[in-house]
Amino acid sequence: LSEIDGIDIVRKLKSNQIIIVVVTNSYDRITEAIGINVAGYIIKNQIDIEFKKIIKEILEYVDINKNIMITTK
């Protein structure tokens, strides 16, 4: 995405009905994402370790009866 970055998309999509996890290598972007109140973040080089953990945490947080859609870019 050359005209808009992930954090800008998060700002536009943020609502109580969307759970957003940011995947990045930039600690500055993590700080920015936390400021937007995202559900979590994963450092790209640790995605194999952290992905299952964060998904488990999110599933424990949400009502099991709600539909959950996982998308990737």
Protein backbone atom coordinates (compact mmCIF):
# COMPACT_ATOMS: atom_id res chain seq x y z
CA LEU A 1 0.00 0.00 0.00
CA SER A 2 1.84 3.06 -1.16
CA GLU A 3 -0.77 5.71 -0.32
CA ILE A 4 -1.89 4.48 3.10
CA ASP A 5 -0.12 2.42 5.75
CA GLY A 6 -1.40 -0.16 8.20
CA ILE A 7 -1.72 2.25 11.13
CA ASP A 8 -3.87 4.58 9.00
CA ILE A 9 -6.08 1.62 8.11
CA VAL A 10 -6.37 0.70 11.80
CA ARG A 11 -7.49 4.25 12.59
CA LYS A 12 -10.19 4.05 9.91
CA LEU A 13 -11.40 0.57 10.92
CA LYS A 14 -11.21 0.86 14.69
CA SER A 15 -14.51 0.08 16.36
CA ASN A 16 -15.76 -2.05 19.20
CA GLN A 17 -16.69 -4.79 16.73
CA ILE A 18 -13.27 -5.24 15.13
CA ILE A 19 -10.32 -6.87 16.89
CA ILE A 20 -7.04 -5.72 15.37
CA VAL A 21 -3.59 -7.25 15.87
CA VAL A 22 -0.70 -5.35 14.31
CA VAL A 23 2.21 -7.30 12.79
CA THR A 24 5.32 -5.16 12.37
CA ASN A 25 9.08 -4.88 12.81
CA SER A 26 8.92 -1.26 13.93
CA TYR A 27 8.80 -0.55 17.65
CA ASP A 28 7.62 2.99 16.83
CA ARG A 29 4.62 1.49 15.02
CA ILE A 30 3.89 -0.74 18.02
CA THR A 31 3.80 2.31 20.29
CA GLU A 32 1.52 4.07 17.82
CA ALA A 33 -0.75 1.02 17.54
CA ILE A 34 -1.03 0.68 21.31
CA GLY A 35 -2.06 4.34 21.39
CA ILE A 36 -4.94 3.44 19.05
CA ASN A 37 -5.90 0.66 21.47
CA VAL A 38 -5.39 -2.37 19.21
CA ALA A 39 -5.92 -5.82 20.72
CA GLY A 40 -2.26 -6.72 20.38
CA TYR A 41 0.85 -6.81 18.27
CA ILE A 42 3.33 -9.32 16.93
CA ILE A 43 6.94 -8.66 15.95
CA LYS A 44 7.37 -10.10 12.43
CA ASN A 45 10.43 -12.19 13.22
CA GLN A 46 8.53 -13.80 16.12
CA ILE A 47 5.27 -14.52 14.30
CA ASP A 48 5.74 -18.30 14.53
CA ILE A 49 5.95 -18.06 18.32
CA GLU A 50 3.46 -15.27 19.02
CA PHE A 51 0.63 -15.92 16.53
CA LYS A 52 -0.97 -18.84 18.37
CA LYS A 53 -0.55 -17.08 21.71
CA ILE A 54 -2.30 -13.87 20.64
CA ILE A 55 -5.11 -15.73 18.87
CA LYS A 56 -5.70 -17.80 22.01
CA GLU A 57 -5.83 -14.62 24.12
CA ILE A 58 -8.32 -13.03 21.72
CA LEU A 59 -10.54 -16.11 21.64
CA GLU A 60 -10.61 -16.15 25.43
CA TYR A 61 -11.60 -12.48 25.40
CA VAL A 62 -14.46 -12.63 22.92
CA ASP A 63 -17.77 -14.39 23.31
CA ILE A 64 -17.39 -17.83 21.73
CA ASN A 65 -20.82 -17.48 20.11
CA LYS A 66 -19.76 -14.53 17.95
CA ASN A 67 -18.44 -14.99 14.43
CA ILE A 68 -14.70 -14.43 14.07
CA MET A 69 -13.03 -13.81 10.74
CA ILE A 70 -9.24 -13.86 10.47
CA THR A 71 -7.79 -11.97 7.51
CA THR A 72 -4.21 -11.40 6.43
CA LYS A 73 -2.56 -9.06 3.98
